[in-house]
PDB file of N, CA and C in Angstrom:
ATOM      1  N   MET A   1       8.885 -38.600  91.112  1.00  0.00           N
ATOM      2  CA  MET A   1      10.325 -38.934  90.051  1.00  0.00           C
ATOM      3  C   MET A   1      10.240 -37.884  88.724  1.00  0.00           C
ATOM      4  N   GLY A   2       9.155 -37.530  88.507  1.00  0.00           N
ATOM      5  CA  GLY A   2       8.841 -36.697  87.467  1.00  0.00           C
ATOM      6  C   GLY A   2       8.873 -37.287  85.816  1.00  0.00           C
ATOM      7  N   ILE A   3       8.890 -38.548  85.941  1.00  0.00           N
ATOM      8  CA  ILE A   3       8.168 -39.261  85.190  1.00  0.00           C
ATOM      9  C   ILE A   3       6.826 -39.043  84.583  1.00  0.00           C
ATOM     10  N   GLY A   4       6.664 -38.729  83.386  1.00  0.00           N
ATOM     11  CA  GLY A   4       5.526 -38.262  82.496  1.00  0.00           C
ATOM     12  C   GLY A   4       4.514 -39.010  81.743  1.00  0.00           C
ATOM     13  N   TYR A   5       4.876 -40.498  82.139  1.00  0.00           N
ATOM     14  CA  TYR A   5       4.420 -41.301  81.212  1.00  0.00           C
ATOM     15  C   TYR A   5       3.507 -42.886  82.302  1.00  0.00           C
ATOM     16  N   PRO A   6       2.965 -43.701  82.029  1.00  0.00           N
ATOM     17  CA  PRO A   6       2.610 -44.525  82.723  1.00  0.00           C
ATOM     18  C   PRO A   6       3.592 -45.489  83.090  1.00  0.00           C
ATOM     19  N   VAL A   7       3.454 -45.935  84.247  1.00  0.00           N
ATOM     20  CA  VAL A   7       4.528 -47.206  84.384  1.00  0.00           C
ATOM     21  C   VAL A   7       3.912 -48.004  85.166  1.00  0.00           C
ATOM     22  N   ALA A   8       4.199 -49.323  84.767  1.00  0.00           N
ATOM     23  CA  ALA A   8       3.656 -50.992  85.554  1.00  0.00           C
ATOM     24  C   ALA A   8       4.324 -51.376  86.885  1.00  0.00           C
ATOM     25  N   ILE A   9       3.658 -51.157  88.117  1.00  0.00           N
ATOM     26  CA  ILE A   9       4.434 -52.172  88.750  1.00  0.00           C
ATOM     27  C   ILE A   9       3.544 -53.457  88.914  1.00  0.00           C
ATOM     28  N   ASP A  10       4.528 -54.243  89.216  1.00  0.00           N
ATOM     29  CA  ASP A  10       4.289 -55.853  88.819  1.00  0.00           C
ATOM     30  C   ASP A  10       4.892 -56.728  89.977  1.00  0.00           C
ATOM     31  N   SER A  11       5.228 -56.240  91.258  1.00  0.00           N
ATOM     32  CA  SER A  11       5.219 -56.967  92.462  1.00  0.00           C
ATOM     33  C   SER A  11       5.145 -57.965  92.429  1.00  0.00           C
ATOM     34  N   ASP A  12       4.012 -58.388  92.091  1.00  0.00           N
ATOM     35  CA  ASP A  12       3.458 -60.020  92.479  1.00  0.00           C
ATOM     36  C   ASP A  12       3.724 -60.736  91.312  1.00  0.00           C
ATOM     37  N   TYR A  13       4.525 -60.121  90.097  1.00  0.00           N
ATOM     38  CA  TYR A  13       4.460 -60.639  88.450  1.00  0.00           C
ATOM     39  C   TYR A  13       3.119 -61.146  88.029  1.00  0.00           C
ATOM     40  N   ALA A  14       2.218 -60.738  88.020  1.00  0.00           N
ATOM     41  CA  ALA A  14       1.209 -61.281  87.042  1.00  0.00           C
ATOM     42  C   ALA A  14       0.756 -60.553  85.965  1.00  0.00           C
ATOM     43  N   ILE A  15       1.731 -59.400  85.399  1.00  0.00           N
ATOM     44  CA  ILE A  15       1.850 -59.179  83.957  1.00  0.00           C
ATOM     45  C   ILE A  15       2.494 -60.050  83.598  1.00  0.00           C
ATOM     46  N   TRP A  16       3.760 -59.874  84.098  1.00  0.00           N
ATOM     47  CA  TRP A  16       5.305 -61.503  83.521  1.00  0.00           C
ATOM     48  C   TRP A  16       4.307 -62.829  83.178  1.00  0.00           C
ATOM     49  N   ARG A  17       3.579 -63.230  84.141  1.00  0.00           N
ATOM     50  CA  ARG A  17       3.093 -64.657  84.016  1.00  0.00           C
ATOM     51  C   ARG A  17       1.733 -64.552  83.158  1.00  0.00           C
ATOM     52  N   ALA A  18       0.767 -63.259  82.879  1.00  0.00           N
ATOM     53  CA  ALA A  18      -0.048 -63.370  81.572  1.00  0.00           C
ATOM     54  C   ALA A  18       0.389 -63.295  80.313  1.00  0.00           C
ATOM     55  N   PHE A  19       2.015 -62.996  80.042  1.00  0.00           N
ATOM     56  CA  PHE A  19       2.494 -63.178  78.810  1.00  0.00           C
ATOM     57  C   PHE A  19       3.439 -63.953  79.039  1.00  0.00           C
ATOM     58  N   GLY A  20       3.609 -64.891  79.655  1.00  0.00           N
ATOM     59  CA  GLY A  20       4.333 -66.267  79.579  1.00  0.00           C
ATOM     60  C   GLY A  20       5.543 -65.752  79.540  1.00  0.00           C
ATOM     61  N   ASN A  21       6.378 -64.054  79.951  1.00  0.00           N
ATOM     62  CA  ASN A  21       7.210 -63.975  79.665  1.00  0.00           C
ATOM     63  C   ASN A  21       8.762 -64.971  80.885  1.00  0.00           C
ATOM     64  N   HIS A  22       9.821 -64.758  79.943  1.00  0.00           N
ATOM     65  CA  HIS A  22      10.835 -65.470  80.767  1.00  0.00           C
ATOM     66  C   HIS A  22      12.426 -64.731  80.388  1.00  0.00           C
ATOM     67  N   TYR A  23      12.125 -63.655  80.161  1.00  0.00           N
ATOM     68  CA  TYR A  23      13.149 -62.619  79.765  1.00  0.00           C
ATOM     69  C   TYR A  23      13.189 -61.261  80.240  1.00  0.00           C
ATOM     70  N   TRP A  24      14.343 -60.731  80.381  1.00  0.00           N
ATOM     71  CA  TRP A  24      14.231 -59.426  81.255  1.00  0.00           C
ATOM     72  C   TRP A  24      15.530 -58.684  80.414  1.00  0.00           C
ATOM     73  N   PRO A  25      15.648 -57.773  80.077  1.00  0.00           N
ATOM     74  CA  PRO A  25      13.958 -57.116  79.764  1.00  0.00           C
ATOM     75  C   PRO A  25      13.686 -57.650  78.058  1.00  0.00           C
ATOM     76  N   ALA A  26      12.263 -57.633  78.456  1.00  0.00           N
ATOM     77  CA  ALA A  26      11.463 -58.187  77.032  1.00  0.00           C
ATOM     78  C   ALA A  26      10.558 -56.683  76.582  1.00  0.00           C
ATOM     79  N   LEU A  27      10.347 -56.759  75.060  1.00  0.00           N
ATOM     80  CA  LEU A  27       9.618 -55.435  74.757  1.00  0.00           C
ATOM     81  C   LEU A  27       8.364 -56.181  73.946  1.00  0.00           C
ATOM     82  N   TYR A  28       6.965 -56.117  73.882  1.00  0.00           N
ATOM     83  CA  TYR A  28       5.999 -56.468  73.548  1.00  0.00           C
ATOM     84  C   TYR A  28       5.371 -55.876  72.449  1.00  0.00           C
ATOM     85  N   PHE A  29       5.312 -55.531  71.437  1.00  0.00           N
ATOM     86  CA  PHE A  29       4.966 -54.882  70.588  1.00  0.00           C
ATOM     87  C   PHE A  29       3.339 -55.232  70.167  1.00  0.00           C
ATOM     88  N   CYS A  30       2.318 -54.471  70.511  1.00  0.00           N
ATOM     89  CA  CYS A  30       0.741 -54.621  70.072  1.00  0.00           C
ATOM     90  C   CYS A  30       0.214 -53.827  69.144  1.00  0.00           C
ATOM     91  N   ARG A  31      -0.552 -54.921  68.428  1.00  0.00           N
ATOM     92  CA  ARG A  31      -1.248 -54.219  67.218  1.00  0.00           C
ATOM     93  C   ARG A  31      -2.590 -53.628  67.857  1.00  0.00           C
ATOM     94  N   ARG A  32      -3.342 -53.019  66.850  1.00  0.00           N
ATOM     95  CA  ARG A  32      -4.422 -52.180  67.271  1.00  0.00           C
ATOM     96  C   ARG A  32      -5.363 -52.839  67.977  1.00  0.00           C
ATOM     97  N   ALA A  33      -5.402 -54.596  67.213  1.00  0.00           N
ATOM     98  CA  ALA A  33      -6.534 -55.317  67.348  1.00  0.00           C
ATOM     99  C   ALA A  33      -6.556 -56.294  68.726  1.00  0.00           C
ATOM    100  N   GLY A  34      -4.886 -55.486  69.798  1.00  0.00           N
ATOM    101  CA  GLY A  34      -5.154 -56.351  70.580  1.00  0.00           C
ATOM    102  C   GLY A  34      -3.816 -57.838  70.601  1.00  0.00           C
ATOM    103  N   THR A  35      -3.562 -57.847  69.532  1.00  0.00           N
ATOM    104  CA  THR A  35      -2.215 -59.028  69.864  1.00  0.00           C
ATOM    105  C   THR A  35      -0.886 -58.606  69.335  1.00  0.00           C
ATOM    106  N   TYR A  36      -0.329 -59.634  69.571  1.00  0.00           N
ATOM    107  CA  TYR A  36       1.055 -59.232  70.008  1.00  0.00           C
ATOM    108  C   TYR A  36       1.862 -60.445  69.114  1.00  0.00           C
ATOM    109  N   PRO A  37       3.179 -60.292  68.872  1.00  0.00           N
ATOM    110  CA  PRO A  37       4.047 -61.563  68.215  1.00  0.00           C
ATOM    111  C   PRO A  37       4.049 -62.757  69.441  1.00  0.00           C
ATOM    112  N   ALA A  38       4.251 -63.918  68.936  1.00  0.00           N
ATOM    113  CA  ALA A  38       4.152 -65.351  69.910  1.00  0.00           C
ATOM    114  C   ALA A  38       5.433 -65.185  70.973  1.00  0.00           C
ATOM    115  N   SER A  39       6.280 -64.113  70.726  1.00  0.00           N
ATOM    116  CA  SER A  39       7.489 -64.356  71.398  1.00  0.00           C
ATOM    117  C   SER A  39       7.739 -62.849  71.732  1.00  0.00           C
ATOM    118  N   PRO A  40       8.368 -62.322  72.866  1.00  0.00           N
ATOM    119  CA  PRO A  40       8.888 -61.032  72.834  1.00  0.00           C
ATOM    120  C   PRO A  40      10.259 -60.642  72.087  1.00  0.00           C
ATOM    121  N   VAL A  41      10.599 -59.214  72.024  1.00  0.00           N
ATOM    122  CA  VAL A  41      11.479 -58.872  71.739  1.00  0.00           C
ATOM    123  C   VAL A  41      12.657 -58.778  72.504  1.00  0.00           C
ATOM    124  N   ARG A  42      13.636 -59.728  72.813  1.00  0.00           N
ATOM    125  CA  ARG A  42      14.643 -59.755  73.903  1.00  0.00           C
ATOM    126  C   ARG A  42      15.650 -58.636  73.405  1.00  0.00           C
ATOM    127  N   GLU A  43      16.190 -58.570  74.635  1.00  0.00           N
ATOM    128  CA  GLU A  43      17.185 -57.293  74.727  1.00  0.00           C
ATOM    129  C   GLU A  43      18.639 -57.779  73.496  1.00  0.00           C
ATOM    130  N   GLY A  44      18.717 -56.926  72.519  1.00  0.00           N
ATOM    131  CA  GLY A  44      19.714 -56.932  71.649  1.00  0.00           C
ATOM    132  C   GLY A  44      19.419 -57.152  70.188  1.00  0.00           C
ATOM    133  N   GLU A  45      18.082 -57.363  70.434  1.00  0.00           N
ATOM    134  CA  GLU A  45      17.330 -57.782  68.995  1.00  0.00           C
ATOM    135  C   GLU A  45      16.626 -56.725  68.326  1.00  0.00           C
ATOM    136  N   TYR A  46      17.787 -55.446  67.907  1.00  0.00           N
ATOM    137  CA  TYR A  46      17.433 -54.160  67.603  1.00  0.00           C
ATOM    138  C   TYR A  46      17.063 -54.395  66.671  1.00  0.00           C
ATOM    139  N   GLN A  47      17.106 -55.123  65.451  1.00  0.00           N
ATOM    140  CA  GLN A  47      16.634 -55.266  64.252  1.00  0.00           C
ATOM    141  C   GLN A  47      15.508 -56.090  64.147  1.00  0.00           C
ATOM    142  N   ARG A  48      14.904 -57.026  64.685  1.00  0.00           N
ATOM    143  CA  ARG A  48      14.042 -57.302  64.815  1.00  0.00           C
ATOM    144  C   ARG A  48      12.959 -56.218  65.443  1.00  0.00           C
ATOM    145  N   SER A  49      13.047 -55.813  66.541  1.00  0.00           N
ATOM    146  CA  SER A  49      12.313 -54.587  66.994  1.00  0.00           C
ATOM    147  C   SER A  49      12.159 -53.430  65.795  1.00  0.00           C
ATOM    148  N   GLU A  50      13.072 -52.983  64.928  1.00  0.00           N
ATOM    149  CA  GLU A  50      12.810 -52.086  64.037  1.00  0.00           C
ATOM    150  C   GLU A  50      11.816 -52.751  63.119  1.00  0.00           C
ATOM    151  N   MET A  51      12.048 -53.577  62.610  1.00  0.00           N
ATOM    152  CA  MET A  51      11.317 -54.519  61.512  1.00  0.00           C
ATOM    153  C   MET A  51       9.744 -54.455  62.333  1.00  0.00           C
ATOM    154  N   ILE A  52       9.577 -54.440  62.865  1.00  0.00           N
ATOM    155  CA  ILE A  52       8.031 -55.030  63.791  1.00  0.00           C
ATOM    156  C   ILE A  52       7.357 -53.319  64.206  1.00  0.00           C
ATOM    157  N   ILE A  53       8.356 -52.686  64.798  1.00  0.00           N
ATOM    158  CA  ILE A  53       7.884 -51.248  64.412  1.00  0.00           C
ATOM    159  C   ILE A  53       7.481 -50.746  62.942  1.00  0.00           C
ATOM    160  N   GLN A  54       8.465 -50.896  62.022  1.00  0.00           N
ATOM    161  CA  GLN A  54       7.718 -50.725  60.475  1.00  0.00           C
ATOM    162  C   GLN A  54       6.821 -51.389  60.252  1.00  0.00           C
ATOM    163  N   GLN A  55       6.345 -52.270  60.559  1.00  0.00           N
ATOM    164  CA  GLN A  55       5.075 -53.320  60.132  1.00  0.00           C
ATOM    165  C   GLN A  55       4.083 -52.765  60.812  1.00  0.00           C
ATOM    166  N   LEU A  56       4.636 -52.533  62.022  1.00  0.00           N
ATOM    167  CA  LEU A  56       3.000 -51.928  62.930  1.00  0.00           C
ATOM    168  C   LEU A  56       2.535 -50.886  62.047  1.00  0.00           C
ATOM    169  N   LEU A  57       3.468 -49.572  61.676  1.00  0.00           N
ATOM    170  CA  LEU A  57       3.278 -48.435  61.069  1.00  0.00           C
ATOM    171  C   LEU A  57       2.840 -48.572  59.954  1.00  0.00           C
ATOM    172  N   VAL A  58       3.043 -49.273  58.805  1.00  0.00           N
ATOM    173  CA  VAL A  58       2.505 -49.521  57.681  1.00  0.00           C
ATOM    174  C   VAL A  58       0.858 -50.245  58.484  1.00  0.00           C
ATOM    175  N   GLU A  59       0.637 -51.188  59.069  1.00  0.00           N
ATOM    176  CA  GLU A  59      -0.672 -51.459  58.902  1.00  0.00           C
ATOM    177  C   GLU A  59      -1.727 -50.107  59.598  1.00  0.00           C
ATOM    178  N   ALA A  60      -0.996 -49.476  60.130  1.00  0.00           N
ATOM    179  CA  ALA A  60      -2.045 -48.084  60.652  1.00  0.00           C
ATOM    180  C   ALA A  60      -2.144 -47.830  59.896  1.00  0.00           C
ATOM    181  N   GLY A  61      -1.572 -47.681  58.875  1.00  0.00           N
ATOM    182  CA  GLY A  61      -1.876 -46.765  57.876  1.00  0.00           C
ATOM    183  C   GLY A  61      -0.643 -45.632  57.743  1.00  0.00           C
ATOM    184  N   PHE A  62       0.191 -45.470  58.208  1.00  0.00           N
ATOM    185  CA  PHE A  62       0.982 -44.313  57.872  1.00  0.00           C
ATOM    186  C   PHE A  62       2.107 -44.496  56.613  1.00  0.00           C
ATOM    187  N   GLY A  63       1.741 -45.200  55.503  1.00  0.00           N
ATOM    188  CA  GLY A  63       2.325 -45.578  54.650  1.00  0.00           C
ATOM    189  C   GLY A  63       3.970 -45.364  54.296  1.00  0.00           C
ATOM    190  N   ILE A  64       4.603 -46.274  55.752  1.00  0.00           N
ATOM    191  CA  ILE A  64       6.109 -46.369  55.445  1.00  0.00           C
ATOM    192  C   ILE A  64       5.811 -47.914  54.796  1.00  0.00           C
ATOM    193  N   GLN A  65       7.132 -47.924  53.637  1.00  0.00           N
ATOM    194  CA  GLN A  65       7.337 -49.491  53.827  1.00  0.00           C
ATOM    195  C   GLN A  65       8.178 -49.831  54.551  1.00  0.00           C
ATOM    196  N   PRO A  66       8.140 -51.115  55.138  1.00  0.00           N
ATOM    197  CA  PRO A  66       9.568 -51.805  55.692  1.00  0.00           C
ATOM    198  C   PRO A  66      10.622 -51.808  54.834  1.00  0.00           C
ATOM    199  N   ARG A  67      11.770 -51.948  55.811  1.00  0.00           N
ATOM    200  CA  ARG A  67      12.928 -52.045  54.990  1.00  0.00           C
ATOM    201  C   ARG A  67      13.596 -52.923  55.174  1.00  0.00           C
ATOM    202  N   ARG A  68      14.189 -53.510  54.151  1.00  0.00           N
ATOM    203  CA  ARG A  68      14.694 -55.282  54.146  1.00  0.00           C
ATOM    204  C   ARG A  68      15.961 -54.897  53.766  1.00  0.00           C
ATOM    205  N   GLY A  69      16.720 -53.705  54.283  1.00  0.00           N
ATOM    206  CA  GLY A  69      18.175 -54.244  54.363  1.00  0.00           C
ATOM    207  C   GLY A  69      19.241 -54.351  55.544  1.00  0.00           C
ATOM    208  N   PHE A  70      18.333 -55.071  56.719  1.00  0.00           N
ATOM    209  CA  PHE A  70      19.143 -55.390  57.839  1.00  0.00           C
ATOM    210  C   PHE A  70      19.925 -56.844  57.828  1.00  0.00           C
ATOM    211  N   GLY A  71      19.555 -57.260  56.569  1.00  0.00           N
ATOM    212  CA  GLY A  71      19.931 -59.025  56.715  1.00  0.00           C
ATOM    213  C   GLY A  71      19.382 -60.149  57.411  1.00  0.00           C
ATOM    214  N   SER A  72      18.109 -59.634  57.587  1.00  0.00           N
ATOM    215  CA  SER A  72      17.177 -60.700  57.972  1.00  0.00           C
ATOM    216  C   SER A  72      15.657 -61.161  57.446  1.00  0.00           C
ATOM    217  N   THR A  73      15.156 -61.967  57.598  1.00  0.00           N
ATOM    218  CA  THR A  73      13.955 -62.197  57.040  1.00  0.00           C
ATOM    219  C   THR A  73      12.969 -61.126  57.455  1.00  0.00           C
ATOM    220  N   PRO A  74      11.344 -60.949  56.724  1.00  0.00           N
ATOM    221  CA  PRO A  74      10.824 -60.462  57.672  1.00  0.00           C
ATOM    222  C   PRO A  74      10.391 -61.016  58.951  1.00  0.00           C
ATOM    223  N   VAL A  75       9.629 -60.121  59.496  1.00  0.00           N
ATOM    224  CA  VAL A  75       9.088 -60.378  61.189  1.00  0.00           C
ATOM    225  C   VAL A  75       7.980 -61.632  60.687  1.00  0.00           C
ATOM    226  N   ALA A  76       8.000 -62.451  61.081  1.00  0.00           N
ATOM    227  CA  ALA A  76       6.432 -63.710  61.197  1.00  0.00           C
ATOM    228  C   ALA A  76       5.825 -63.348  62.103  1.00  0.00           C
ATOM    229  N   TRP A  77       4.476 -62.713  62.034  1.00  0.00           N
ATOM    230  CA  TRP A  77       3.514 -62.210  63.191  1.00  0.00           C
ATOM    231  C   TRP A  77       3.033 -63.054  63.321  1.00  0.00           C
ATOM    232  N   LYS A  78       2.842 -63.713  64.698  1.00  0.00           N
ATOM    233  CA  LYS A  78       2.116 -65.090  65.200  1.00  0.00           C
ATOM    234  C   LYS A  78       0.928 -64.443  66.129  1.00  0.00           C
ATOM    235  N   PRO A  79      -0.222 -63.756  66.211  1.00  0.00           N
ATOM    236  CA  PRO A  79      -0.651 -62.990  66.885  1.00  0.00           C
ATOM    237  C   PRO A  79      -1.301 -63.892  67.415  1.00  0.00           C
ATOM    238  N   ARG A  80      -1.120 -63.245  68.932  1.00  0.00           N
ATOM    239  CA  ARG A  80      -1.578 -64.044  70.341  1.00  0.00           C
ATOM    240  C   ARG A  80      -2.744 -62.735  71.157  1.00  0.00           C
ATOM    241  N   PRO A  81      -3.902 -62.789  71.747  1.00  0.00           N
ATOM    242  CA  PRO A  81      -4.628 -62.288  71.949  1.00  0.00           C
ATOM    243  C   PRO A  81      -3.828 -61.624  73.659  1.00  0.00           C
ATOM    244  N   ILE A  82      -3.645 -60.583  73.720  1.00  0.00           N
ATOM    245  CA  ILE A  82      -3.841 -59.951  75.316  1.00  0.00           C
ATOM    246  C   ILE A  82      -4.344 -60.530  76.102  1.00  0.00           C
ATOM    247  N   GLY A  83      -3.648 -60.704  77.450  1.00  0.00           N
ATOM    248  CA  GLY A  83      -4.537 -61.362  78.552  1.00  0.00           C
ATOM    249  C   GLY A  83      -4.046 -63.003  78.915  1.00  0.00           C
ATOM    250  N   PRO A  84      -4.809 -63.473  79.871  1.00  0.00           N
ATOM    251  CA  PRO A  84      -4.224 -64.582  80.268  1.00  0.00           C
ATOM    252  C   PRO A  84      -4.994 -65.446  79.295  1.00  0.00           C
ATOM    253  N   PRO A  85      -3.534 -66.738  79.240  1.00  0.00           N
ATOM    254  CA  PRO A  85      -4.043 -67.921  77.865  1.00  0.00           C
ATOM    255  C   PRO A  85      -5.192 -68.130  78.455  1.00  0.00           C
TER     256      PRO A  85
END
C-alpha cells in the first residue's frame, strides 16, 4: 500500500486491552521513560494534544516553551507504565 512507517494490526484487541482503551480514535503520547498519560487524547481534543506534544518536546530538551494561550490549563501528566496493568 506504499505506507512508509509501521502500522500495528490489533485484530485480537491485545493492544487495545493493554492500554485499557475505550475510545476510537485515541492518541497515546509516550515519554522516553516509557510512561504515558493516564487517559488517552480523544478525537477533537486538539488543544490537549498540542499541549502534550509541546510538553514532551521541552522534556526532551528541544527548548520549546509550552504555549498557554489555548484557554485551558496545562496538562496534568499522571504517568503510567506501558504494558499490561
